[in-house]
Amino acid sequence: MFSHALKRSSVLAAAALTAVLAGLLGAPAASASPTAGDYVALGDSYASGAGVPAQYAGLCLRSQRNYGHLVATALGSSSYRDATCAAAKTSDLTEAQYDAFLRVNDPQLDSVSAGTDLVTLGIGGNELGTSDLGIGDVIATCIAGAVVNPFGTPCKDVYAHGHWDFSSWSWKYGEDTLRTRVDAAAPRIAAALEKIHAKAPGATVLLVGYPSVLPDNGRACIGRQPITTGDVDYLRGVLDRLNGMLAATAAAHHATYVDTLTPTRGHDVCSGDRWIEGALPGSPAVPFHPNATGERVMADAVLAAVRR
């Protein structure tokens, strides 16, 4: 009995010494880190992992290998809720999402609570489209234009209102619809971030950007994707503007921007080693969306941001 009591006293003394040393060395308390806490993933098809096996949640096209699931596993989160849904727009954060007359998802912010420790939000791309397809209708317009004008910039002509100016005998562009839509989305995303902070005041909030869907040089897509080289360059500029807007909005509203474009550069839809699939996917994924490798690389970027 004396031996047992001595051992117990030794254990308690060691535990006390460990606690003192932890305080002296500045070791973080477990509760101060989001790694073992409550994590909620919000966002659109890039966040849901649309088309990546294994799919679940019906028309929301969530994958068990999307970056949210991978992050939750890596962090050892005590609770994880995936509220992401394909085709989601900022309005679907606070309202139920419908496909035609079918309700496909609850308001995504319903999954966030006062006890939530970590929130990732990947949204904004679908603000560029006007239909339920979101960004999909822009892609369809660009592909259709390339069929009838394979050497021009038919997509840019539609959205930047290109026209021939007879007075200067040159091609002119007016107000750019897509760039205007990017700018118009900024206050909606800012409002979403503020709502997240209000619902979960102690949460770490990450605003996840979009990966390198298109190459820096449109000529890399010749013979690889059904979009003209000029339109690839134009759309890449729109993507850069979108990510720039997301980064600026995150900085202004107490969130951390996660750059996923840089780590996926060189693995776009026109690459020989694609992490984002093209019009005809070679790996399971919705066209022009990340495949399993792309989702994993995005997860790595999110994890790096969390651990910073």
C-alpha atoms as a PDB file:
ATOM      1  CA  MET A   1       0.000   0.000   0.000  1.00  0.00           C
ATOM      2  CA  PHE A   2       2.876   2.336   0.897  1.00  0.00           C
ATOM      3  CA  SER A   3       4.488   1.531  -2.448  1.00  0.00           C
ATOM      4  CA  HIS A   4       1.228   2.284  -4.294  1.00  0.00           C
ATOM      5  CA  ALA A   5       0.841   5.609  -2.475  1.00  0.00           C
ATOM      6  CA  LEU A   6       4.442   6.501  -3.242  1.00  0.00           C
ATOM      7  CA  LYS A   7       3.954   5.787  -6.939  1.00  0.00           C
ATOM      8  CA  ARG A   8       0.755   7.842  -6.987  1.00  0.00           C
ATOM      9  CA  SER A   9       2.525  10.747  -5.256  1.00  0.00           C
ATOM     10  CA  SER A  10       5.339  10.541  -7.807  1.00  0.00           C
ATOM     11  CA  VAL A  11       2.877  10.672 -10.692  1.00  0.00           C
ATOM     12  CA  LEU A  12       1.082  13.682  -9.200  1.00  0.00           C
ATOM     13  CA  ALA A  13       4.385  15.443  -8.601  1.00  0.00           C
ATOM     14  CA  ALA A  14       5.488  14.780 -12.173  1.00  0.00           C
ATOM     15  CA  ALA A  15       2.184  16.076 -13.487  1.00  0.00           C
ATOM     16  CA  ALA A  16       2.508  19.227 -11.410  1.00  0.00           C
ATOM     17  CA  LEU A  17       6.082  19.746 -12.595  1.00  0.00           C
ATOM     18  CA  THR A  18       4.968  19.282 -16.216  1.00  0.00           C
ATOM     19  CA  ALA A  19       2.235  21.886 -15.766  1.00  0.00           C
ATOM     20  CA  VAL A  20       4.691  24.367 -14.252  1.00  0.00           C
ATOM     21  CA  LEU A  21       7.194  23.824 -17.067  1.00  0.00           C
ATOM     22  CA  ALA A  22       4.471  24.181 -19.668  1.00  0.00           C
ATOM     23  CA  GLY A  23       3.536  27.533 -18.169  1.00  0.00           C
ATOM     24  CA  LEU A  24       7.153  28.678 -18.055  1.00  0.00           C
ATOM     25  CA  LEU A  25       7.829  27.598 -21.619  1.00  0.00           C
ATOM     26  CA  GLY A  26       4.636  29.095 -22.939  1.00  0.00           C
ATOM     27  CA  ALA A  27       3.159  25.818 -24.149  1.00  0.00           C
ATOM     28  CA  PRO A  28      -0.336  26.422 -25.567  1.00  0.00           C
ATOM     29  CA  ALA A  29      -3.330  24.979 -23.764  1.00  0.00           C
ATOM     30  CA  ALA A  30      -5.276  22.392 -25.736  1.00  0.00           C
ATOM     31  CA  SER A  31      -8.424  24.527 -25.620  1.00  0.00           C
ATOM     32  CA  ALA A  32      -6.586  27.452 -27.269  1.00  0.00           C
ATOM     33  CA  SER A  33      -6.160  25.539 -30.505  1.00  0.00           C
ATOM     34  CA  PRO A  34      -8.855  24.804 -33.073  1.00  0.00           C
ATOM     35  CA  THR A  35      -7.201  21.467 -33.832  1.00  0.00           C
ATOM     36  CA  ALA A  36      -9.275  19.457 -31.378  1.00  0.00           C
ATOM     37  CA  GLY A  37     -12.384  21.609 -31.470  1.00  0.00           C
ATOM     38  CA  ASP A  38     -15.564  22.085 -33.435  1.00  0.00           C
ATOM     39  CA  TYR A  39     -15.020  22.650 -37.171  1.00  0.00           C
ATOM     40  CA  VAL A  40     -17.602  23.697 -39.769  1.00  0.00           C
ATOM     41  CA  ALA A  41     -16.952  23.785 -43.530  1.00  0.00           C
ATOM     42  CA  LEU A  42     -19.038  26.137 -45.679  1.00  0.00           C
ATOM     43  CA  GLY A  43     -18.942  26.827 -49.389  1.00  0.00           C
ATOM     44  CA  ASP A  44     -19.626  25.826 -52.972  1.00  0.00           C
ATOM     45  CA  SER A  45     -18.613  22.951 -55.256  1.00  0.00           C
ATOM     46  CA  TYR A  46     -14.882  23.649 -54.929  1.00  0.00           C
ATOM     47  CA  ALA A  47     -15.296  23.180 -51.188  1.00  0.00           C
ATOM     48  CA  SER A  48     -17.681  20.229 -51.498  1.00  0.00           C
ATOM     49  CA  GLY A  49     -15.342  18.276 -53.778  1.00  0.00           C
ATOM     50  CA  ALA A  50     -17.945  17.886 -56.516  1.00  0.00           C
ATOM     51  CA  GLY A  51     -17.493  14.652 -58.423  1.00  0.00           C
ATOM     52  CA  VAL A  52     -14.626  13.348 -56.271  1.00  0.00           C
ATOM     53  CA  PRO A  53     -15.324   9.884 -54.819  1.00  0.00           C
ATOM     54  CA  ALA A  54     -16.916   9.066 -52.474  1.00  0.00           C
ATOM     55  CA  GLN A  55     -19.897  11.313 -53.067  1.00  0.00           C
ATOM     56  CA  TYR A  56     -22.788  11.777 -50.660  1.00  0.00           C
ATOM     57  CA  ALA A  57     -25.442  14.396 -49.738  1.00  0.00           C
ATOM     58  CA  GLY A  58     -27.284  14.120 -53.056  1.00  0.00           C
ATOM     59  CA  LEU A  59     -27.233  17.190 -55.295  1.00  0.00           C
ATOM     60  CA  CYS A  60     -24.826  19.000 -52.988  1.00  0.00           C
ATOM     61  CA  LEU A  61     -22.123  16.683 -54.394  1.00  0.00           C
ATOM     62  CA  ARG A  62     -20.105  16.479 -51.201  1.00  0.00           C
ATOM     63  CA  SER A  63     -17.114  14.200 -51.168  1.00  0.00           C
ATOM     64  CA  GLN A  64     -15.658  12.371 -48.204  1.00  0.00           C
ATOM     65  CA  ARG A  65     -12.306  13.444 -49.648  1.00  0.00           C
ATOM     66  CA  ASN A  66     -13.001  17.155 -49.980  1.00  0.00           C
ATOM     67  CA  TYR A  67     -10.594  19.517 -48.258  1.00  0.00           C
ATOM     68  CA  GLY A  68     -12.894  19.970 -45.268  1.00  0.00           C
ATOM     69  CA  HIS A  69     -12.916  16.265 -44.450  1.00  0.00           C
ATOM     70  CA  LEU A  70      -9.148  16.049 -44.931  1.00  0.00           C
ATOM     71  CA  VAL A  71      -8.548  19.041 -42.671  1.00  0.00           C
ATOM     72  CA  ALA A  72     -10.863  17.703 -39.963  1.00  0.00           C
ATOM     73  CA  THR A  73      -9.047  14.364 -39.989  1.00  0.00           C
ATOM     74  CA  ALA A  74      -5.606  15.947 -39.906  1.00  0.00           C
ATOM     75  CA  LEU A  75      -6.544  18.253 -37.031  1.00  0.00           C
ATOM     76  CA  GLY A  76      -8.352  15.561 -35.094  1.00  0.00           C
ATOM     77  CA  SER A  77     -11.384  17.812 -34.745  1.00  0.00           C
ATOM     78  CA  SER A  78     -13.741  16.659 -32.016  1.00  0.00           C
ATOM     79  CA  SER A  79     -16.734  17.638 -34.152  1.00  0.00           C
ATOM     80  CA  TYR A  80     -17.019  18.293 -37.891  1.00  0.00           C
ATOM     81  CA  ARG A  81     -19.991  19.479 -39.918  1.00  0.00           C
ATOM     82  CA  ASP A  82     -19.825  19.770 -43.691  1.00  0.00           C
ATOM     83  CA  ALA A  83     -22.469  22.208 -44.929  1.00  0.00           C
ATOM     84  CA  THR A  84     -20.914  22.768 -48.371  1.00  0.00           C
ATOM     85  CA  CYS A  85     -23.062  22.406 -51.465  1.00  0.00           C
ATOM     86  CA  ALA A  86     -22.480  22.544 -55.209  1.00  0.00           C
ATOM     87  CA  ALA A  87     -23.756  25.702 -56.944  1.00  0.00           C
ATOM     88  CA  ALA A  88     -23.970  27.574 -53.635  1.00  0.00           C
ATOM     89  CA  LYS A  89     -23.962  31.370 -53.683  1.00  0.00           C
ATOM     90  CA  THR A  90     -23.604  33.781 -50.779  1.00  0.00           C
ATOM     91  CA  SER A  91     -27.391  33.889 -50.430  1.00  0.00           C
ATOM     92  CA  ASP A  92     -27.361  30.157 -49.645  1.00  0.00           C
ATOM     93  CA  LEU A  93     -25.433  30.819 -46.467  1.00  0.00           C
ATOM     94  CA  THR A  94     -28.546  32.301 -44.876  1.00  0.00           C
ATOM     95  CA  GLU A  95     -31.322  30.756 -46.978  1.00  0.00           C
ATOM     96  CA  ALA A  96     -32.209  27.197 -47.934  1.00  0.00           C
ATOM     97  CA  GLN A  97     -30.754  26.172 -51.292  1.00  0.00           C
ATOM     98  CA  TYR A  98     -33.047  24.836 -53.984  1.00  0.00           C
ATOM     99  CA  ASP A  99     -32.480  23.091 -57.308  1.00  0.00           C
ATOM    100  CA  ALA A 100     -35.632  23.897 -59.303  1.00  0.00           C
ATOM    101  CA  PHE A 101     -38.303  23.116 -56.673  1.00  0.00           C
ATOM    102  CA  LEU A 102     -36.226  20.618 -54.722  1.00  0.00           C
ATOM    103  CA  ARG A 103     -34.651  21.718 -51.446  1.00  0.00           C
ATOM    104  CA  VAL A 104     -31.085  20.431 -51.509  1.00  0.00           C
ATOM    105  CA  ASN A 105     -29.477  22.097 -48.490  1.00  0.00           C
ATOM    106  CA  ASP A 106     -30.344  23.980 -45.311  1.00  0.00           C
ATOM    107  CA  PRO A 107     -28.952  27.489 -44.780  1.00  0.00           C
ATOM    108  CA  GLN A 108     -25.258  26.797 -44.364  1.00  0.00           C
ATOM    109  CA  LEU A 109     -24.776  29.166 -41.446  1.00  0.00           C
ATOM    110  CA  ASP A 110     -27.218  27.051 -39.427  1.00  0.00           C
ATOM    111  CA  SER A 111     -24.294  24.676 -38.878  1.00  0.00           C
ATOM    112  CA  VAL A 112     -22.243  27.353 -37.104  1.00  0.00           C
ATOM    113  CA  SER A 113     -22.771  27.761 -33.341  1.00  0.00           C
ATOM    114  CA  ALA A 114     -21.344  29.758 -30.475  1.00  0.00           C
ATOM    115  CA  GLY A 115     -19.046  26.834 -29.661  1.00  0.00           C
ATOM    116  CA  THR A 116     -17.556  26.536 -33.146  1.00  0.00           C
ATOM    117  CA  ASP A 117     -13.751  26.849 -33.107  1.00  0.00           C
ATOM    118  CA  LEU A 118     -12.892  26.770 -36.816  1.00  0.00           C
ATOM    119  CA  VAL A 119     -14.810  27.801 -39.941  1.00  0.00           C
ATOM    120  CA  THR A 120     -13.659  27.525 -43.537  1.00  0.00           C
ATOM    121  CA  LEU A 121     -15.621  29.377 -46.215  1.00  0.00           C
ATOM    122  CA  GLY A 122     -15.001  28.821 -49.918  1.00  0.00           C
ATOM    123  CA  ILE A 123     -17.471  30.849 -51.943  1.00  0.00           C
ATOM    124  CA  GLY A 124     -17.799  33.634 -54.514  1.00  0.00           C
ATOM    125  CA  GLY A 125     -17.264  31.956 -57.888  1.00  0.00           C
ATOM    126  CA  ASN A 126     -20.937  31.358 -58.508  1.00  0.00           C
ATOM    127  CA  GLU A 127     -21.634  35.066 -58.089  1.00  0.00           C
ATOM    128  CA  LEU A 128     -20.222  35.425 -61.624  1.00  0.00           C
ATOM    129  CA  GLY A 129     -23.149  33.552 -63.164  1.00  0.00           C
ATOM    130  CA  THR A 130     -26.790  34.494 -63.301  1.00  0.00           C
ATOM    131  CA  SER A 131     -28.446  31.065 -63.486  1.00  0.00           C
ATOM    132  CA  ASP A 132     -28.640  28.247 -60.930  1.00  0.00           C
ATOM    133  CA  LEU A 133     -25.470  26.890 -62.533  1.00  0.00           C
ATOM    134  CA  GLY A 134     -23.481  29.848 -61.272  1.00  0.00           C
ATOM    135  CA  ILE A 135     -20.030  29.884 -62.839  1.00  0.00           C
ATOM    136  CA  GLY A 136     -21.170  26.962 -65.010  1.00  0.00           C
ATOM    137  CA  ASP A 137     -23.120  29.240 -67.329  1.00  0.00           C
ATOM    138  CA  VAL A 138     -19.976  31.348 -67.911  1.00  0.00           C
ATOM    139  CA  ILE A 139     -17.982  28.245 -68.813  1.00  0.00           C
ATOM    140  CA  ALA A 140     -20.756  27.076 -71.167  1.00  0.00           C
ATOM    141  CA  THR A 141     -20.810  30.475 -72.887  1.00  0.00           C
ATOM    142  CA  CYS A 142     -17.052  30.404 -73.413  1.00  0.00           C
ATOM    143  CA  ILE A 143     -17.051  26.865 -74.819  1.00  0.00           C
ATOM    144  CA  ALA A 144     -19.965  27.596 -77.165  1.00  0.00           C
ATOM    145  CA  GLY A 145     -18.238  30.725 -78.419  1.00  0.00           C
ATOM    146  CA  ALA A 146     -15.057  28.828 -79.205  1.00  0.00           C
ATOM    147  CA  VAL A 147     -16.984  26.546 -81.560  1.00  0.00           C
ATOM    148  CA  VAL A 148     -17.995  29.418 -83.838  1.00  0.00           C
ATOM    149  CA  ASN A 149     -14.956  31.651 -83.293  1.00  0.00           C
ATOM    150  CA  PRO A 150     -11.995  29.388 -82.463  1.00  0.00           C
ATOM    151  CA  PHE A 151      -9.304  32.007 -83.076  1.00  0.00           C
ATOM    152  CA  GLY A 152     -10.881  35.020 -81.405  1.00  0.00           C
ATOM    153  CA  THR A 153     -12.073  35.998 -77.946  1.00  0.00           C
ATOM    154  CA  PRO A 154     -15.794  35.171 -78.110  1.00  0.00           C
ATOM    155  CA  CYS A 155     -16.178  34.855 -74.341  1.00  0.00           C
ATOM    156  CA  LYS A 156     -14.474  38.168 -73.666  1.00  0.00           C
ATOM    157  CA  ASP A 157     -16.547  39.758 -76.423  1.00  0.00           C
ATOM    158  CA  VAL A 158     -19.749  38.714 -74.616  1.00  0.00           C
ATOM    159  CA  TYR A 159     -18.790  39.759 -71.096  1.00  0.00           C
ATOM    160  CA  ALA A 160     -16.612  42.769 -71.876  1.00  0.00           C
ATOM    161  CA  HIS A 161     -19.074  43.930 -74.559  1.00  0.00           C
ATOM    162  CA  GLY A 162     -16.666  43.934 -77.433  1.00  0.00           C
ATOM    163  CA  HIS A 163     -17.642  45.782 -80.586  1.00  0.00           C
ATOM    164  CA  TRP A 164     -16.094  47.205 -83.701  1.00  0.00           C
ATOM    165  CA  ASP A 165     -15.624  50.950 -83.523  1.00  0.00           C
ATOM    166  CA  PHE A 166     -15.842  52.342 -87.038  1.00  0.00           C
ATOM    167  CA  SER A 167     -14.657  55.799 -85.977  1.00  0.00           C
ATOM    168  CA  SER A 168     -11.269  54.445 -84.869  1.00  0.00           C
ATOM    169  CA  TRP A 169     -11.390  51.381 -87.090  1.00  0.00           C
ATOM    170  CA  SER A 170     -10.520  49.153 -84.122  1.00  0.00           C
ATOM    171  CA  TRP A 171     -12.047  46.695 -81.668  1.00  0.00           C
ATOM    172  CA  LYS A 172     -13.268  48.277 -78.430  1.00  0.00           C
ATOM    173  CA  TYR A 173     -14.482  46.942 -75.113  1.00  0.00           C
ATOM    174  CA  GLY A 174     -16.983  48.463 -72.708  1.00  0.00           C
ATOM    175  CA  GLU A 175     -17.775  47.717 -69.083  1.00  0.00           C
ATOM    176  CA  ASP A 176     -16.690  44.196 -68.111  1.00  0.00           C
ATOM    177  CA  THR A 177     -19.678  42.288 -66.717  1.00  0.00           C
ATOM    178  CA  LEU A 178     -17.641  39.603 -64.950  1.00  0.00           C
ATOM    179  CA  ARG A 179     -15.316  42.078 -63.272  1.00  0.00           C
ATOM    180  CA  THR A 180     -18.323  44.100 -62.189  1.00  0.00           C
ATOM    181  CA  ARG A 181     -19.902  40.980 -60.690  1.00  0.00           C
ATOM    182  CA  VAL A 182     -16.690  40.208 -58.802  1.00  0.00           C
ATOM    183  CA  ASP A 183     -16.704  43.692 -57.282  1.00  0.00           C
ATOM    184  CA  ALA A 184     -20.416  43.446 -56.464  1.00  0.00           C
ATOM    185  CA  ALA A 185     -19.826  40.177 -54.576  1.00  0.00           C
ATOM    186  CA  ALA A 186     -17.373  41.775 -52.134  1.00  0.00           C
ATOM    187  CA  PRO A 187     -19.971  43.306 -49.766  1.00  0.00           C
ATOM    188  CA  ARG A 188     -21.973  40.055 -49.762  1.00  0.00           C
ATOM    189  CA  ILE A 189     -18.909  38.051 -48.728  1.00  0.00           C
ATOM    190  CA  ALA A 190     -18.022  40.707 -46.150  1.00  0.00           C
ATOM    191  CA  ALA A 191     -21.512  40.374 -44.679  1.00  0.00           C
ATOM    192  CA  ALA A 192     -21.127  36.589 -44.570  1.00  0.00           C
ATOM    193  CA  LEU A 193     -17.875  36.883 -42.628  1.00  0.00           C
ATOM    194  CA  GLU A 194     -19.480  39.257 -40.152  1.00  0.00           C
ATOM    195  CA  LYS A 195     -22.372  36.825 -39.648  1.00  0.00           C
ATOM    196  CA  ILE A 196     -19.908  34.010 -38.950  1.00  0.00           C
ATOM    197  CA  HIS A 197     -18.096  36.162 -36.376  1.00  0.00           C
ATOM    198  CA  ALA A 198     -21.405  37.037 -34.736  1.00  0.00           C
ATOM    199  CA  LYS A 199     -22.482  33.398 -34.475  1.00  0.00           C
ATOM    200  CA  ALA A 200     -19.071  32.072 -33.415  1.00  0.00           C
ATOM    201  CA  PRO A 201     -17.152  34.928 -31.775  1.00  0.00           C
ATOM    202  CA  GLY A 202     -14.241  32.721 -30.761  1.00  0.00           C
ATOM    203  CA  ALA A 203     -13.790  30.917 -34.060  1.00  0.00           C
ATOM    204  CA  THR A 204     -10.825  31.052 -36.385  1.00  0.00           C
ATOM    205  CA  VAL A 205     -12.307  31.972 -39.779  1.00  0.00           C
ATOM    206  CA  LEU A 206     -10.565  31.094 -43.035  1.00  0.00           C
ATOM    207  CA  LEU A 207     -11.724  32.386 -46.427  1.00  0.00           C
ATOM    208  CA  VAL A 208     -10.457  29.887 -48.993  1.00  0.00           C
ATOM    209  CA  GLY A 209      -9.547  31.154 -52.467  1.00  0.00           C
ATOM    210  CA  TYR A 210      -9.856  29.374 -55.798  1.00  0.00           C
ATOM    211  CA  PRO A 211      -7.148  27.147 -57.288  1.00  0.00           C
ATOM    212  CA  SER A 212      -5.288  27.627 -60.550  1.00  0.00           C
ATOM    213  CA  VAL A 213      -8.059  26.486 -62.873  1.00  0.00           C
ATOM    214  CA  LEU A 214      -6.385  28.083 -65.912  1.00  0.00           C
ATOM    215  CA  PRO A 215      -2.717  28.548 -66.868  1.00  0.00           C
ATOM    216  CA  ASP A 216      -0.859  31.855 -66.850  1.00  0.00           C
ATOM    217  CA  ASN A 217      -0.403  31.583 -70.626  1.00  0.00           C
ATOM    218  CA  GLY A 218      -3.422  30.751 -72.785  1.00  0.00           C
ATOM    219  CA  ARG A 219      -1.246  29.125 -75.457  1.00  0.00           C
ATOM    220  CA  ALA A 220      -0.768  26.191 -73.089  1.00  0.00           C
ATOM    221  CA  CYS A 221      -4.394  25.244 -73.785  1.00  0.00           C
ATOM    222  CA  ILE A 222      -4.077  24.885 -77.568  1.00  0.00           C
ATOM    223  CA  GLY A 223      -5.540  21.496 -78.475  1.00  0.00           C
ATOM    224  CA  ARG A 224      -6.185  20.671 -74.826  1.00  0.00           C
ATOM    225  CA  GLN A 225      -9.416  22.472 -73.882  1.00  0.00           C
ATOM    226  CA  PRO A 226     -12.349  23.849 -75.934  1.00  0.00           C
ATOM    227  CA  ILE A 227     -11.629  27.490 -75.023  1.00  0.00           C
ATOM    228  CA  THR A 228      -9.733  29.936 -77.213  1.00  0.00           C
ATOM    229  CA  THR A 229      -6.289  31.081 -76.077  1.00  0.00           C
ATOM    230  CA  GLY A 230      -7.473  34.667 -75.853  1.00  0.00           C
ATOM    231  CA  ASP A 231     -10.376  33.693 -73.649  1.00  0.00           C
ATOM    232  CA  VAL A 232      -8.120  31.639 -71.385  1.00  0.00           C
ATOM    233  CA  ASP A 233      -6.029  34.748 -70.752  1.00  0.00           C
ATOM    234  CA  TYR A 234      -9.181  36.808 -70.202  1.00  0.00           C
ATOM    235  CA  LEU A 235     -10.722  34.308 -67.755  1.00  0.00           C
ATOM    236  CA  ARG A 236      -7.444  33.938 -65.893  1.00  0.00           C
ATOM    237  CA  GLY A 237      -7.572  37.686 -65.316  1.00  0.00           C
ATOM    238  CA  VAL A 238     -11.093  37.364 -63.929  1.00  0.00           C
ATOM    239  CA  LEU A 239      -9.958  34.542 -61.612  1.00  0.00           C
ATOM    240  CA  ASP A 240      -7.077  36.678 -60.358  1.00  0.00           C
ATOM    241  CA  ARG A 241      -9.488  39.540 -59.689  1.00  0.00           C
ATOM    242  CA  LEU A 242     -11.805  37.175 -57.794  1.00  0.00           C
ATOM    243  CA  ASN A 243      -9.011  35.865 -55.590  1.00  0.00           C
ATOM    244  CA  GLY A 244      -7.710  39.378 -55.041  1.00  0.00           C
ATOM    245  CA  MET A 245     -11.151  40.492 -53.916  1.00  0.00           C
ATOM    246  CA  LEU A 246     -11.416  37.540 -51.527  1.00  0.00           C
ATOM    247  CA  ALA A 247      -7.998  38.291 -50.025  1.00  0.00           C
ATOM    248  CA  ALA A 248      -8.840  41.970 -49.507  1.00  0.00           C
ATOM    249  CA  THR A 249     -12.257  41.162 -48.025  1.00  0.00           C
ATOM    250  CA  ALA A 250     -10.764  38.632 -45.614  1.00  0.00           C
ATOM    251  CA  ALA A 251      -8.153  41.139 -44.427  1.00  0.00           C
ATOM    252  CA  ALA A 252     -10.817  43.792 -43.825  1.00  0.00           C
ATOM    253  CA  HIS A 253     -13.113  41.474 -41.857  1.00  0.00           C
ATOM    254  CA  HIS A 254     -10.869  39.616 -39.420  1.00  0.00           C
ATOM    255  CA  ALA A 255     -10.516  36.438 -41.464  1.00  0.00           C
ATOM    256  CA  THR A 256      -7.478  34.673 -42.890  1.00  0.00           C
ATOM    257  CA  TYR A 257      -7.268  34.284 -46.651  1.00  0.00           C
ATOM    258  CA  VAL A 258      -6.032  30.885 -47.862  1.00  0.00           C
ATOM    259  CA  ASP A 259      -4.191  31.052 -51.169  1.00  0.00           C
ATOM    260  CA  THR A 260      -4.847  27.839 -53.115  1.00  0.00           C
ATOM    261  CA  LEU A 261      -3.866  29.263 -56.504  1.00  0.00           C
ATOM    262  CA  THR A 262      -0.117  29.323 -55.829  1.00  0.00           C
ATOM    263  CA  PRO A 263       0.238  25.689 -54.680  1.00  0.00           C
ATOM    264  CA  THR A 264      -1.830  24.428 -57.645  1.00  0.00           C
ATOM    265  CA  ARG A 265      -0.106  26.554 -60.311  1.00  0.00           C
ATOM    266  CA  GLY A 266       1.151  24.378 -63.165  1.00  0.00           C
ATOM    267  CA  HIS A 267      -1.525  21.750 -62.541  1.00  0.00           C
ATOM    268  CA  ASP A 268      -4.448  23.524 -64.232  1.00  0.00           C
ATOM    269  CA  VAL A 269      -6.929  22.144 -66.769  1.00  0.00           C
ATOM    270  CA  CYS A 270      -4.368  22.464 -69.581  1.00  0.00           C
ATOM    271  CA  SER A 271      -1.512  20.803 -67.705  1.00  0.00           C
ATOM    272  CA  GLY A 272      -0.158  17.346 -68.398  1.00  0.00           C
ATOM    273  CA  ASP A 273      -0.467  16.659 -64.674  1.00  0.00           C
ATOM    274  CA  ARG A 274      -3.906  17.987 -63.811  1.00  0.00           C
ATOM    275  CA  TRP A 275      -5.125  18.635 -60.305  1.00  0.00           C
ATOM    276  CA  ILE A 276      -8.073  20.556 -61.742  1.00  0.00           C
ATOM    277  CA  GLU A 277      -9.977  18.619 -64.380  1.00  0.00           C
ATOM    278  CA  GLY A 278     -10.987  20.013 -67.784  1.00  0.00           C
ATOM    279  CA  ALA A 279     -14.036  19.635 -70.004  1.00  0.00           C
ATOM    280  CA  LEU A 280     -13.411  15.882 -70.254  1.00  0.00           C
ATOM    281  CA  PRO A 281     -12.131  14.804 -66.819  1.00  0.00           C
ATOM    282  CA  GLY A 282      -9.373  12.228 -66.713  1.00  0.00           C
ATOM    283  CA  SER A 283      -9.964  11.648 -62.999  1.00  0.00           C
ATOM    284  CA  PRO A 284     -13.316  11.715 -61.198  1.00  0.00           C
ATOM    285  CA  ALA A 285     -14.407  15.332 -60.725  1.00  0.00           C
ATOM    286  CA  VAL A 286     -16.915  17.787 -62.126  1.00  0.00           C
ATOM    287  CA  PRO A 287     -15.385  19.563 -65.182  1.00  0.00           C
ATOM    288  CA  PHE A 288     -13.205  22.555 -64.287  1.00  0.00           C
ATOM    289  CA  HIS A 289     -13.082  21.471 -60.641  1.00  0.00           C
ATOM    290  CA  PRO A 290     -10.367  19.958 -58.425  1.00  0.00           C
ATOM    291  CA  ASN A 291      -9.872  16.218 -58.481  1.00  0.00           C
ATOM    292  CA  ALA A 292      -8.841  14.268 -55.379  1.00  0.00           C
ATOM    293  CA  THR A 293      -5.259  15.510 -55.620  1.00  0.00           C
ATOM    294  CA  GLY A 294      -6.459  19.082 -56.022  1.00  0.00           C
ATOM    295  CA  GLU A 295      -8.636  18.793 -52.919  1.00  0.00           C
ATOM    296  CA  ARG A 296      -5.698  17.367 -50.977  1.00  0.00           C
ATOM    297  CA  VAL A 297      -3.432  20.244 -52.015  1.00  0.00           C
ATOM    298  CA  MET A 298      -6.144  22.716 -51.012  1.00  0.00           C
ATOM    299  CA  ALA A 299      -6.398  20.927 -47.660  1.00  0.00           C
ATOM    300  CA  ASP A 300      -2.644  21.325 -47.177  1.00  0.00           C
ATOM    301  CA  ALA A 301      -2.990  25.078 -47.786  1.00  0.00           C
ATOM    302  CA  VAL A 302      -5.806  25.304 -45.230  1.00  0.00           C
ATOM    303  CA  LEU A 303      -3.807  23.310 -42.671  1.00  0.00           C
ATOM    304  CA  ALA A 304      -0.789  25.564 -43.158  1.00  0.00           C
ATOM    305  CA  ALA A 305      -2.993  28.598 -42.499  1.00  0.00           C
ATOM    306  CA  VAL A 306      -4.508  27.035 -39.361  1.00  0.00           C
ATOM    307  CA  ARG A 307      -1.122  26.102 -37.957  1.00  0.00           C
ATOM    308  CA  ARG A 308       0.268  29.573 -38.526  1.00  0.00           C
END
